[in-house]
Amino acid sequence: MTSEFGLHETFDHHFLSYEIGLMKPDQEIFKHVLEAIGHAPERILYFDDNRINVDAARKAGIHAWRVKGMNDTRSSLLESHKSL
């Protein structure tokens, strides 16, 4: 999806579970990402369509939203910008 919408250029880091050998909702994947980017969890925005993954991200201290599709993601991103 990132290449489809031209998002690769927007983000500094990209994480693919098959590349790092970890899968959501395992807490280790969130720890890996946080260590790799060097930011505190409260500085991270996370969007997913799966409630279990969103709950796991929140458990790791990450701001997380459950979304369905790009329009919902866009709305949640705008909402998160206002609330943070």
PDB file of N, CA and C in Angstrom:
ATOM      1  N   MET A   1       0.820  -1.184   0.000  1.00  0.00           N
ATOM      2  CA  MET A   1       0.000   0.000   0.000  1.00  0.00           C
ATOM      3  C   MET A   1       0.870   1.256   0.000  1.00  0.00           C
ATOM      4  N   THR A   2       2.010   1.220   0.666  1.00  0.00           N
ATOM      5  CA  THR A   2       2.841   2.422   0.714  1.00  0.00           C
ATOM      6  C   THR A   2       3.309   2.856  -0.663  1.00  0.00           C
ATOM      7  N   SER A   3       3.671   1.907  -1.506  1.00  0.00           N
ATOM      8  CA  SER A   3       4.103   2.282  -2.854  1.00  0.00           C
ATOM      9  C   SER A   3       2.919   2.700  -3.719  1.00  0.00           C
ATOM     10  N   GLU A   4       1.774   2.069  -3.505  1.00  0.00           N
ATOM     11  CA  GLU A   4       0.571   2.400  -4.278  1.00  0.00           C
ATOM     12  C   GLU A   4       0.160   3.853  -4.081  1.00  0.00           C
ATOM     13  N   PHE A   5       0.324   4.360  -2.859  1.00  0.00           N
ATOM     14  CA  PHE A   5      -0.083   5.727  -2.554  1.00  0.00           C
ATOM     15  C   PHE A   5       1.102   6.685  -2.436  1.00  0.00           C
ATOM     16  N   GLY A   6       2.294   6.233  -2.828  1.00  0.00           N
ATOM     17  CA  GLY A   6       3.468   7.087  -2.787  1.00  0.00           C
ATOM     18  C   GLY A   6       3.929   7.434  -1.387  1.00  0.00           C
ATOM     19  N   LEU A   7       3.723   6.531  -0.442  1.00  0.00           N
ATOM     20  CA  LEU A   7       4.064   6.821   0.944  1.00  0.00           C
ATOM     21  C   LEU A   7       5.498   6.479   1.316  1.00  0.00           C
ATOM     22  N   HIS A   8       6.202   5.729   0.475  1.00  0.00           N
ATOM     23  CA  HIS A   8       7.588   5.374   0.800  1.00  0.00           C
ATOM     24  C   HIS A   8       8.430   6.622   1.027  1.00  0.00           C
ATOM     25  N   GLU A   9       8.186   7.664   0.271  1.00  0.00           N
ATOM     26  CA  GLU A   9       8.953   8.891   0.397  1.00  0.00           C
ATOM     27  C   GLU A   9       8.536   9.697   1.623  1.00  0.00           C
ATOM     28  N   THR A  10       7.358   9.419   2.147  1.00  0.00           N
ATOM     29  CA  THR A  10       6.822  10.170   3.274  1.00  0.00           C
ATOM     30  C   THR A  10       7.437   9.738   4.602  1.00  0.00           C
ATOM     31  N   PHE A  11       7.785   8.454   4.712  1.00  0.00           N
ATOM     32  CA  PHE A  11       8.256   7.906   5.981  1.00  0.00           C
ATOM     33  C   PHE A  11       9.743   7.579   5.932  1.00  0.00           C
ATOM     34  N   ASP A  12      10.403   7.787   7.058  1.00  0.00           N
ATOM     35  CA  ASP A  12      11.837   7.506   7.167  1.00  0.00           C
ATOM     36  C   ASP A  12      12.129   6.019   7.305  1.00  0.00           C
ATOM     37  N   HIS A  13      11.197   5.263   7.875  1.00  0.00           N
ATOM     38  CA  HIS A  13      11.413   3.840   8.141  1.00  0.00           C
ATOM     39  C   HIS A  13      10.228   3.027   7.630  1.00  0.00           C
ATOM     40  N   HIS A  14      10.533   1.816   7.209  1.00  0.00           N
ATOM     41  CA  HIS A  14       9.499   0.866   6.782  1.00  0.00           C
ATOM     42  C   HIS A  14       9.831  -0.472   7.424  1.00  0.00           C
ATOM     43  N   PHE A  15       8.830  -1.150   7.961  1.00  0.00           N
ATOM     44  CA  PHE A  15       9.050  -2.428   8.627  1.00  0.00           C
ATOM     45  C   PHE A  15       8.093  -3.461   8.052  1.00  0.00           C
ATOM     46  N   LEU A  16       8.647  -4.542   7.578  1.00  0.00           N
ATOM     47  CA  LEU A  16       7.861  -5.640   7.020  1.00  0.00           C
ATOM     48  C   LEU A  16       8.122  -6.878   7.863  1.00  0.00           C
ATOM     49  N   SER A  17       7.052  -7.504   8.338  1.00  0.00           N
ATOM     50  CA  SER A  17       7.204  -8.625   9.267  1.00  0.00           C
ATOM     51  C   SER A  17       8.055  -9.747   8.692  1.00  0.00           C
ATOM     52  N   TYR A  18       7.933 -10.020   7.408  1.00  0.00           N
ATOM     53  CA  TYR A  18       8.715 -11.111   6.831  1.00  0.00           C
ATOM     54  C   TYR A  18      10.203 -10.774   6.787  1.00  0.00           C
ATOM     55  N   GLU A  19      10.542  -9.489   6.791  1.00  0.00           N
ATOM     56  CA  GLU A  19      11.951  -9.098   6.792  1.00  0.00           C
ATOM     57  C   GLU A  19      12.572  -9.163   8.188  1.00  0.00           C
ATOM     58  N   ILE A  20      11.788  -8.829   9.206  1.00  0.00           N
ATOM     59  CA  ILE A  20      12.347  -8.814  10.557  1.00  0.00           C
ATOM     60  C   ILE A  20      12.027 -10.070  11.350  1.00  0.00           C
ATOM     61  N   GLY A  21      11.187 -10.933  10.818  1.00  0.00           N
ATOM     62  CA  GLY A  21      10.904 -12.212  11.464  1.00  0.00           C
ATOM     63  C   GLY A  21      10.005 -12.132  12.680  1.00  0.00           C
ATOM     64  N   LEU A  22       9.222 -11.075  12.778  1.00  0.00           N
ATOM     65  CA  LEU A  22       8.278 -10.902  13.879  1.00  0.00           C
ATOM     66  C   LEU A  22       6.925 -10.531  13.296  1.00  0.00           C
ATOM     67  N   MET A  23       5.866 -10.890  14.032  1.00  0.00           N
ATOM     68  CA  MET A  23       4.524 -10.591  13.537  1.00  0.00           C
ATOM     69  C   MET A  23       3.683  -9.941  14.626  1.00  0.00           C
ATOM     70  N   LYS A  24       2.793  -9.069  14.213  1.00  0.00           N
ATOM     71  CA  LYS A  24       1.812  -8.504  15.128  1.00  0.00           C
ATOM     72  C   LYS A  24       0.852  -9.632  15.513  1.00  0.00           C
ATOM     73  N   PRO A  25       0.359  -9.658  16.691  1.00  0.00           N
ATOM     74  CA  PRO A  25       0.418  -8.656  17.751  1.00  0.00           C
ATOM     75  C   PRO A  25       1.536  -8.893  18.781  1.00  0.00           C
ATOM     76  N   ASP A  26       2.520  -9.688  18.461  1.00  0.00           N
ATOM     77  CA  ASP A  26       3.639  -9.950  19.373  1.00  0.00           C
ATOM     78  C   ASP A  26       4.278  -8.630  19.812  1.00  0.00           C
ATOM     79  N   GLN A  27       4.418  -8.441  21.106  1.00  0.00           N
ATOM     80  CA  GLN A  27       5.014  -7.214  21.639  1.00  0.00           C
ATOM     81  C   GLN A  27       6.437  -6.991  21.131  1.00  0.00           C
ATOM     82  N   GLU A  28       7.121  -8.058  20.773  1.00  0.00           N
ATOM     83  CA  GLU A  28       8.502  -7.935  20.297  1.00  0.00           C
ATOM     84  C   GLU A  28       8.607  -7.114  19.013  1.00  0.00           C
ATOM     85  N   ILE A  29       7.595  -7.174  18.163  1.00  0.00           N
ATOM     86  CA  ILE A  29       7.665  -6.389  16.926  1.00  0.00           C
ATOM     87  C   ILE A  29       7.601  -4.892  17.236  1.00  0.00           C
ATOM     88  N   PHE A  30       6.800  -4.525  18.216  1.00  0.00           N
ATOM     89  CA  PHE A  30       6.711  -3.116  18.593  1.00  0.00           C
ATOM     90  C   PHE A  30       8.008  -2.662  19.265  1.00  0.00           C
ATOM     91  N   LYS A  31       8.589  -3.511  20.104  1.00  0.00           N
ATOM     92  CA  LYS A  31       9.881  -3.194  20.728  1.00  0.00           C
ATOM     93  C   LYS A  31      10.958  -3.024  19.660  1.00  0.00           C
ATOM     94  N   HIS A  32      10.958  -3.908  18.668  1.00  0.00           N
ATOM     95  CA  HIS A  32      11.935  -3.832  17.577  1.00  0.00           C
ATOM     96  C   HIS A  32      11.820  -2.495  16.839  1.00  0.00           C
ATOM     97  N   VAL A  33      10.617  -2.128  16.501  1.00  0.00           N
ATOM     98  CA  VAL A  33      10.390  -0.877  15.768  1.00  0.00           C
ATOM     99  C   VAL A  33      10.823   0.324  16.609  1.00  0.00           C
ATOM    100  N   LEU A  34      10.440   0.337  17.872  1.00  0.00           N
ATOM    101  CA  LEU A  34      10.807   1.458  18.736  1.00  0.00           C
ATOM    102  C   LEU A  34      12.322   1.589  18.875  1.00  0.00           C
ATOM    103  N   GLU A  35      13.004   0.474  19.032  1.00  0.00           N
ATOM    104  CA  GLU A  35      14.466   0.510  19.132  1.00  0.00           C
ATOM    105  C   GLU A  35      15.094   0.970  17.816  1.00  0.00           C
ATOM    106  N   ALA A  36      14.554   0.498  16.703  1.00  0.00           N
ATOM    107  CA  ALA A  36      15.121   0.834  15.391  1.00  0.00           C
ATOM    108  C   ALA A  36      14.988   2.320  15.063  1.00  0.00           C
ATOM    109  N   ILE A  37      13.879   2.918  15.454  1.00  0.00           N
ATOM    110  CA  ILE A  37      13.677   4.324  15.109  1.00  0.00           C
ATOM    111  C   ILE A  37      14.175   5.278  16.188  1.00  0.00           C
ATOM    112  N   GLY A  38      14.380   4.756  17.393  1.00  0.00           N
ATOM    113  CA  GLY A  38      14.930   5.581  18.463  1.00  0.00           C
ATOM    114  C   GLY A  38      13.993   6.636  19.009  1.00  0.00           C
ATOM    115  N   HIS A  39      12.694   6.364  18.969  1.00  0.00           N
ATOM    116  CA  HIS A  39      11.716   7.297  19.523  1.00  0.00           C
ATOM    117  C   HIS A  39      10.929   6.623  20.633  1.00  0.00           C
ATOM    118  N   ALA A  40      10.444   7.427  21.555  1.00  0.00           N
ATOM    119  CA  ALA A  40       9.588   6.920  22.620  1.00  0.00           C
ATOM    120  C   ALA A  40       8.242   6.506  22.028  1.00  0.00           C
ATOM    121  N   PRO A  41       7.590   5.513  22.620  1.00  0.00           N
ATOM    122  CA  PRO A  41       6.322   5.025  22.059  1.00  0.00           C
ATOM    123  C   PRO A  41       5.248   6.096  21.941  1.00  0.00           C
ATOM    124  N   GLU A  42       5.236   7.048  22.854  1.00  0.00           N
ATOM    125  CA  GLU A  42       4.200   8.083  22.795  1.00  0.00           C
ATOM    126  C   GLU A  42       4.382   9.050  21.629  1.00  0.00           C
ATOM    127  N   ARG A  43       5.498   8.946  20.911  1.00  0.00           N
ATOM    128  CA  ARG A  43       5.725   9.777  19.716  1.00  0.00           C
ATOM    129  C   ARG A  43       5.316   9.069  18.427  1.00  0.00           C
ATOM    130  N   ILE A  44       4.768   7.864  18.559  1.00  0.00           N
ATOM    131  CA  ILE A  44       4.442   7.035  17.396  1.00  0.00           C
ATOM    132  C   ILE A  44       2.935   7.021  17.167  1.00  0.00           C
ATOM    133  N   LEU A  45       2.534   7.098  15.896  1.00  0.00           N
ATOM    134  CA  LEU A  45       1.141   6.911  15.491  1.00  0.00           C
ATOM    135  C   LEU A  45       1.056   5.593  14.749  1.00  0.00           C
ATOM    136  N   TYR A  46       0.066   4.785  15.103  1.00  0.00           N
ATOM    137  CA  TYR A  46      -0.080   3.455  14.517  1.00  0.00           C
ATOM    138  C   TYR A  46      -1.528   3.271  14.083  1.00  0.00           C
ATOM    139  N   PHE A  47      -1.723   2.814  12.847  1.00  0.00           N
ATOM    140  CA  PHE A  47      -3.058   2.582  12.304  1.00  0.00           C
ATOM    141  C   PHE A  47      -3.139   1.147  11.811  1.00  0.00           C
ATOM    142  N   ASP A  48      -4.239   0.459  12.137  1.00  0.00           N
ATOM    143  CA  ASP A  48      -4.411  -0.935  11.725  1.00  0.00           C
ATOM    144  C   ASP A  48      -5.906  -1.213  11.656  1.00  0.00           C
ATOM    145  N   ASP A  49      -6.277  -2.182  10.840  1.00  0.00           N
ATOM    146  CA  ASP A  49      -7.691  -2.555  10.752  1.00  0.00           C
ATOM    147  C   ASP A  49      -8.049  -3.689  11.699  1.00  0.00           C
ATOM    148  N   ASN A  50      -7.075  -4.200  12.443  1.00  0.00           N
ATOM    149  CA  ASN A  50      -7.295  -5.335  13.330  1.00  0.00           C
ATOM    150  C   ASN A  50      -7.242  -4.865  14.784  1.00  0.00           C
ATOM    151  N   ARG A  51      -8.347  -5.052  15.503  1.00  0.00           N
ATOM    152  CA  ARG A  51      -8.453  -4.604  16.896  1.00  0.00           C
ATOM    153  C   ARG A  51      -7.352  -5.210  17.773  1.00  0.00           C
ATOM    154  N   ILE A  52      -7.012  -6.465  17.568  1.00  0.00           N
ATOM    155  CA  ILE A  52      -5.982  -7.126  18.377  1.00  0.00           C
ATOM    156  C   ILE A  52      -4.635  -6.416  18.211  1.00  0.00           C
ATOM    157  N   ASN A  53      -4.296  -6.051  16.990  1.00  0.00           N
ATOM    158  CA  ASN A  53      -3.037  -5.351  16.735  1.00  0.00           C
ATOM    159  C   ASN A  53      -3.037  -3.949  17.343  1.00  0.00           C
ATOM    160  N   VAL A  54      -4.164  -3.272  17.254  1.00  0.00           N
ATOM    161  CA  VAL A  54      -4.289  -1.938  17.842  1.00  0.00           C
ATOM    162  C   VAL A  54      -4.127  -2.021  19.358  1.00  0.00           C
ATOM    163  N   ASP A  55      -4.774  -2.999  19.976  1.00  0.00           N
ATOM    164  CA  ASP A  55      -4.645  -3.179  21.424  1.00  0.00           C
ATOM    165  C   ASP A  55      -3.203  -3.492  21.816  1.00  0.00           C
ATOM    166  N   ALA A  56      -2.522  -4.298  21.015  1.00  0.00           N
ATOM    167  CA  ALA A  56      -1.122  -4.639  21.295  1.00  0.00           C
ATOM    168  C   ALA A  56      -0.234  -3.403  21.196  1.00  0.00           C
ATOM    169  N   ALA A  57      -0.474  -2.568  20.202  1.00  0.00           N
ATOM    170  CA  ALA A  57       0.305  -1.337  20.059  1.00  0.00           C
ATOM    171  C   ALA A  57       0.061  -0.415  21.249  1.00  0.00           C
ATOM    172  N   ARG A  58      -1.178  -0.306  21.664  1.00  0.00           N
ATOM    173  CA  ARG A  58      -1.496   0.533  22.827  1.00  0.00           C
ATOM    174  C   ARG A  58      -0.820  -0.010  24.085  1.00  0.00           C
ATOM    175  N   LYS A  59      -0.779  -1.326  24.218  1.00  0.00           N
ATOM    176  CA  LYS A  59      -0.109  -1.953  25.361  1.00  0.00           C
ATOM    177  C   LYS A  59       1.373  -1.574  25.381  1.00  0.00           C
ATOM    178  N   ALA A  60       1.957  -1.368  24.210  1.00  0.00           N
ATOM    179  CA  ALA A  60       3.363  -0.960  24.098  1.00  0.00           C
ATOM    180  C   ALA A  60       3.539   0.544  24.316  1.00  0.00           C
ATOM    181  N   GLY A  61       2.435   1.268  24.557  1.00  0.00           N
ATOM    182  CA  GLY A  61       2.505   2.699  24.814  1.00  0.00           C
ATOM    183  C   GLY A  61       2.385   3.572  23.582  1.00  0.00           C
ATOM    184  N   ILE A  62       2.020   2.967  22.461  1.00  0.00           N
ATOM    185  CA  ILE A  62       1.923   3.664  21.180  1.00  0.00           C
ATOM    186  C   ILE A  62       0.503   4.201  20.988  1.00  0.00           C
ATOM    187  N   HIS A  63       0.385   5.403  20.433  1.00  0.00           N
ATOM    188  CA  HIS A  63      -0.931   5.939  20.063  1.00  0.00           C
ATOM    189  C   HIS A  63      -1.427   5.127  18.870  1.00  0.00           C
ATOM    190  N   ALA A  64      -2.547   4.433  19.036  1.00  0.00           N
ATOM    191  CA  ALA A  64      -3.011   3.515  17.988  1.00  0.00           C
ATOM    192  C   ALA A  64      -4.495   3.709  17.715  1.00  0.00           C
ATOM    193  N   TRP A  65      -4.861   3.583  16.433  1.00  0.00           N
ATOM    194  CA  TRP A  65      -6.240   3.712  15.987  1.00  0.00           C
ATOM    195  C   TRP A  65      -6.609   2.534  15.105  1.00  0.00           C
ATOM    196  N   ARG A  66      -7.837   2.074  15.280  1.00  0.00           N
ATOM    197  CA  ARG A  66      -8.371   1.054  14.375  1.00  0.00           C
ATOM    198  C   ARG A  66      -9.045   1.782  13.224  1.00  0.00           C
ATOM    199  N   VAL A  67      -8.668   1.418  12.012  1.00  0.00           N
ATOM    200  CA  VAL A  67      -9.194   2.081  10.823  1.00  0.00           C
ATOM    201  C   VAL A  67      -9.634   1.049   9.796  1.00  0.00           C
ATOM    202  N   LYS A  68     -10.479   1.514   8.882  1.00  0.00           N
ATOM    203  CA  LYS A  68     -10.933   0.664   7.778  1.00  0.00           C
ATOM    204  C   LYS A  68     -10.790   1.460   6.492  1.00  0.00           C
ATOM    205  N   GLY A  69      -9.728   1.218   5.759  1.00  0.00           N
ATOM    206  CA  GLY A  69      -9.524   1.874   4.475  1.00  0.00           C
ATOM    207  C   GLY A  69      -8.787   3.193   4.587  1.00  0.00           C
ATOM    208  N   MET A  70      -8.421   3.721   3.431  1.00  0.00           N
ATOM    209  CA  MET A  70      -7.623   4.945   3.370  1.00  0.00           C
ATOM    210  C   MET A  70      -8.377   6.176   3.864  1.00  0.00           C
ATOM    211  N   ASN A  71      -9.667   6.292   3.566  1.00  0.00           N
ATOM    212  CA  ASN A  71     -10.417   7.460   4.027  1.00  0.00           C
ATOM    213  C   ASN A  71     -10.484   7.506   5.544  1.00  0.00           C
ATOM    214  N   ASP A  72     -10.717   6.346   6.159  1.00  0.00           N
ATOM    215  CA  ASP A  72     -10.760   6.262   7.615  1.00  0.00           C
ATOM    216  C   ASP A  72      -9.383   6.561   8.204  1.00  0.00           C
ATOM    217  N   THR A  73      -8.343   6.068   7.560  1.00  0.00           N
ATOM    218  CA  THR A  73      -6.975   6.338   8.017  1.00  0.00           C
ATOM    219  C   THR A  73      -6.688   7.828   7.952  1.00  0.00           C
ATOM    220  N   ARG A  74      -7.048   8.448   6.865  1.00  0.00           N
ATOM    221  CA  ARG A  74      -6.837   9.892   6.690  1.00  0.00           C
ATOM    222  C   ARG A  74      -7.573  10.672   7.783  1.00  0.00           C
ATOM    223  N   SER A  75      -8.827  10.325   8.036  1.00  0.00           N
ATOM    224  CA  SER A  75      -9.608  11.002   9.074  1.00  0.00           C
ATOM    225  C   SER A  75      -8.981  10.815  10.448  1.00  0.00           C
ATOM    226  N   SER A  76      -8.540   9.596  10.737  1.00  0.00           N
ATOM    227  CA  SER A  76      -7.910   9.316  12.031  1.00  0.00           C
ATOM    228  C   SER A  76      -6.592  10.058  12.178  1.00  0.00           C
ATOM    229  N   LEU A  77      -5.859  10.178  11.094  1.00  0.00           N
ATOM    230  CA  LEU A  77      -4.595  10.913  11.127  1.00  0.00           C
ATOM    231  C   LEU A  77      -4.845  12.390  11.427  1.00  0.00           C
ATOM    232  N   LEU A  78      -5.842  12.967  10.793  1.00  0.00           N
ATOM    233  CA  LEU A  78      -6.187  14.366  11.062  1.00  0.00           C
ATOM    234  C   LEU A  78      -6.660  14.542  12.499  1.00  0.00           C
ATOM    235  N   GLU A  79      -7.470  13.598  12.980  1.00  0.00           N
ATOM    236  CA  GLU A  79      -7.958  13.639  14.356  1.00  0.00           C
ATOM    237  C   GLU A  79      -6.797  13.524  15.345  1.00  0.00           C
ATOM    238  N   SER A  80      -5.864  12.620  15.061  1.00  0.00           N
ATOM    239  CA  SER A  80      -4.725  12.425  15.962  1.00  0.00           C
ATOM    240  C   SER A  80      -3.868  13.683  16.025  1.00  0.00           C
ATOM    241  N   HIS A  81      -3.737  14.366  14.912  1.00  0.00           N
ATOM    242  CA  HIS A  81      -2.937  15.594  14.865  1.00  0.00           C
ATOM    243  C   HIS A  81      -3.532  16.657  15.791  1.00  0.00           C
ATOM    244  N   LYS A  82      -4.849  16.715  15.859  1.00  0.00           N
ATOM    245  CA  LYS A  82      -5.518  17.694  16.711  1.00  0.00           C
ATOM    246  C   LYS A  82      -5.376  17.346  18.186  1.00  0.00           C
ATOM    247  N   SER A  83      -5.365  16.040  18.497  1.00  0.00           N
ATOM    248  CA  SER A  83      -5.384  15.625  19.898  1.00  0.00           C
ATOM    249  C   SER A  83      -4.004  15.459  20.512  1.00  0.00           C
ATOM    250  N   LEU A  84      -2.950  15.474  19.693  1.00  0.00           N
ATOM    251  CA  LEU A  84      -1.602  15.259  20.250  1.00  0.00           C
ATOM    252  C   LEU A  84      -0.855  16.553  20.473  1.00  0.00           C
TER     253      LEU A  84
END
